[in-house]
Protein backbone atom coordinates (compact mmCIF):
# COMPACT_ATOMS: atom_id res chain seq x y z
CA MET A 1 31.43 78.39 102.87
CA LEU A 2 32.64 75.22 101.16
CA ARG A 3 29.18 74.59 99.74
CA HIS A 4 29.11 78.11 98.31
CA VAL A 5 32.51 77.67 96.59
CA THR A 6 31.57 74.20 95.28
CA ASN A 7 28.33 75.52 93.83
CA ARG A 8 30.20 78.39 92.11
CA ILE A 9 32.75 75.99 90.60
CA LEU A 10 30.07 73.57 89.42
CA ALA A 11 28.01 76.38 87.96
CA GLN A 12 31.00 77.67 86.03
CA GLY A 13 31.80 74.18 84.77
CA LEU A 14 28.28 73.76 83.42
CA ARG A 15 28.50 76.88 81.32
CA CYS A 16 29.57 76.18 77.78
CA PRO A 17 30.24 79.47 76.08
CA ALA A 18 30.54 79.21 72.33
CA PRO A 19 34.16 79.37 71.26
CA PRO A 20 35.08 82.11 68.82
CA SER A 21 34.81 81.00 65.23
CA GLY A 22 38.04 79.67 63.85
CA ALA A 23 39.40 78.97 67.32
CA ALA A 24 41.71 75.99 67.58
CA GLY A 25 39.61 74.48 70.34
CA ALA A 26 36.31 74.99 68.55
CA ALA A 27 33.72 72.35 69.29
CA ARG A 28 32.93 70.15 66.32
CA MET A 29 29.29 69.82 65.53
CA TYR A 30 27.88 67.01 63.42
CA HIS A 31 25.01 67.55 61.04
CA GLU A 32 21.61 66.42 62.31
CA ARG A 33 21.56 63.58 59.74
CA VAL A 34 24.76 62.10 61.21
CA VAL A 35 23.31 62.32 64.70
CA ASP A 36 20.01 60.79 63.54
CA HIS A 37 21.70 57.83 61.80
CA TYR A 38 24.01 57.35 64.78
CA ASP A 39 21.21 57.49 67.37
CA HIS A 40 18.77 55.50 65.22
CA PRO A 41 20.83 53.41 62.77
CA ARG A 42 18.84 51.71 60.04
CA ASN A 43 19.35 48.10 58.96
CA VAL A 44 21.74 46.97 61.69
CA GLY A 45 22.31 43.24 61.65
CA SER A 46 23.71 40.49 59.50
CA PHE A 47 22.68 37.77 57.09
CA ASP A 48 24.08 34.27 56.73
CA LYS A 49 27.27 34.79 54.75
CA ASN A 50 26.95 31.28 53.27
CA ASP A 51 23.59 32.09 51.68
CA PRO A 52 24.15 32.24 47.90
CA THR A 53 21.87 35.29 47.61
CA VAL A 54 23.97 37.27 50.11
CA GLY A 55 27.03 39.36 49.31
CA THR A 56 29.30 40.46 52.14
CA GLY A 57 31.73 43.36 52.09
CA LEU A 58 34.16 43.69 54.99
CA VAL A 59 36.42 46.74 54.94
CA GLY A 60 38.46 48.65 57.46
CA ALA A 61 40.64 51.69 57.95
CA PRO A 62 43.59 50.79 60.17
CA ALA A 63 44.54 54.45 60.61
CA CYS A 64 41.35 55.27 62.51
CA GLY A 65 40.14 51.85 63.64
CA ASP A 66 36.84 51.82 61.74
CA VAL A 67 35.64 48.42 60.51
CA MET A 68 32.54 48.06 58.39
CA LYS A 69 30.65 44.91 57.38
CA LEU A 70 27.93 45.56 54.84
CA GLN A 71 25.74 42.81 53.41
CA ILE A 72 23.24 42.68 50.59
CA LYS A 73 20.51 40.17 49.84
CA VAL A 74 19.80 39.92 46.13
CA ASP A 75 16.81 38.53 44.26
CA ASP A 76 18.44 36.18 41.75
CA GLU A 77 15.62 36.59 39.24
CA SER A 78 15.51 40.37 39.02
CA GLY A 79 19.03 41.23 40.20
CA LYS A 80 17.56 43.74 42.65
CA ILE A 81 18.86 44.20 46.15
CA VAL A 82 15.90 43.26 48.33
CA ASP A 83 17.58 43.91 51.68
CA ALA A 84 20.79 45.31 53.11
CA CYS A 85 22.30 45.41 56.58
CA PHE A 86 25.50 46.42 58.31
CA LYS A 87 27.59 46.15 61.43
CA THR A 88 30.14 48.88 61.98
CA PHE A 89 32.72 49.31 64.68
CA GLY A 90 33.86 52.91 64.66
CA CYS A 91 32.92 56.52 65.02
CA GLY A 92 29.50 58.08 64.53
CA SER A 93 30.34 59.16 60.99
CA ALA A 94 31.22 55.58 60.02
CA ILE A 95 27.99 54.26 61.52
CA ALA A 96 25.96 56.98 59.81
CA SER A 97 27.68 56.33 56.46
CA SER A 98 26.86 52.61 56.74
CA SER A 99 23.26 53.32 57.67
CA VAL A 100 22.77 55.70 54.74
CA ALA A 101 24.43 53.27 52.32
CA THR A 102 22.07 50.43 53.27
CA GLU A 103 19.04 52.66 52.85
CA TRP A 104 20.17 53.83 49.42
CA MET A 105 20.88 50.28 48.23
CA LYS A 106 17.52 48.69 48.90
CA GLY A 107 15.38 48.15 45.83
CA LYS A 108 18.13 49.05 43.37
CA GLN A 109 19.78 46.98 40.68
CA MET A 110 23.35 45.83 41.20
CA GLU A 111 24.62 48.22 38.51
CA GLU A 112 22.87 51.13 40.22
CA VAL A 113 24.44 50.60 43.63
CA LEU A 114 27.88 50.59 42.07
CA THR A 115 27.24 54.21 41.10
CA ILE A 116 26.82 55.29 44.75
CA LYS A 117 29.88 57.41 45.47
CA ASN A 118 31.46 58.39 48.75
CA THR A 119 31.10 62.05 47.80
CA GLU A 120 27.30 61.65 47.65
CA ILE A 121 27.22 60.03 51.09
CA ALA A 122 29.54 62.69 52.53
CA LYS A 123 27.47 65.48 51.02
CA HIS A 124 24.20 63.99 52.29
CA LEU A 125 25.61 63.72 55.82
CA SER A 126 27.58 67.00 55.60
CA LEU A 127 30.68 65.21 56.84
CA PRO A 128 33.65 67.38 57.77
CA PRO A 129 36.84 66.81 55.73
CA VAL A 130 38.49 64.79 58.52
CA LYS A 131 35.62 62.28 58.33
CA LEU A 132 35.55 61.70 54.58
CA HIS A 133 37.30 58.36 55.04
CA CYS A 134 34.07 57.07 56.62
CA SER A 135 32.09 57.64 53.44
CA MET A 136 34.97 56.11 51.45
CA LEU A 137 34.69 52.99 53.60
CA ALA A 138 30.97 52.79 52.84
CA GLU A 139 31.63 52.99 49.09
CA ASP A 140 34.32 50.32 49.37
CA ALA A 141 31.99 48.10 51.40
CA ILE A 142 29.27 48.41 48.74
CA LYS A 143 31.72 47.38 46.02
CA ALA A 144 33.05 44.51 48.12
CA ALA A 145 29.53 43.19 48.84
CA VAL A 146 28.56 43.32 45.15
CA LYS A 147 31.82 41.61 44.20
CA ASP A 148 31.30 38.88 46.80
CA TYR A 149 27.77 38.22 45.55
CA ALA A 150 28.95 38.19 41.95
CA LEU A 151 31.72 35.69 42.72
CA LYS A 152 29.27 33.40 44.56
CA ARG A 153 26.88 33.57 41.65
CA ALA A 154 29.62 32.85 39.12
CA LYS A 155 30.74 29.82 41.14
CA SER A 156 27.22 28.44 41.50
CA ASP A 157 26.35 29.02 37.84
CA GLY A 158 29.66 27.82 36.51
CA ALA A 159 29.14 30.49 33.88
CA PRO A 160 31.46 33.24 32.71
CA GLU A 161 31.12 36.61 34.34
CA THR A 162 28.28 38.84 33.28
CA ALA A 163 28.51 42.62 32.92
CA PRO A 164 27.55 43.54 36.52
CA ILE A 165 29.90 40.89 37.86
CA LYS A 166 32.75 42.19 35.73
CA LYS A 167 32.00 45.73 36.86
CA ALA A 168 32.06 44.65 40.50
CA ALA A 169 35.29 42.71 40.05
CA ASP A 170 36.95 45.71 38.41
CA ALA A 171 35.83 48.08 41.19
């Protein structure tokens, strides 16, 4: 008898009927791109922050606990970003936003990556409104990494700021 009741309870618990649309307890579903970038993040890792060709952006959102470190490796001759990586502590949307950002940055000029907007990342990942701060963090991390690289370059050159450096500093 007990086995029969236990099996009925377990069987009921395994059923997941779809909640009615608009219900307060509706399950939130992430877009397949978010799940893909969360399950298989691209470019996870870090570079030596003391390398003069590396720019590091470290940003966080105290309200939700997400912290994002995004780094770029720049070819000094061409000004192109030859590699990018990240480490993110936070939710799946923050990890996915970081992963997408690093993919979009590779092979682009410094000026180009400054045009990557959080709205583009959010749209690509189909982030729900409550997760838009994750894409904002990614945009801020991009700007911070470019600014860090630009400041390192200005210090090593001893030269006045150039246009991309000024743009990054203003961002």
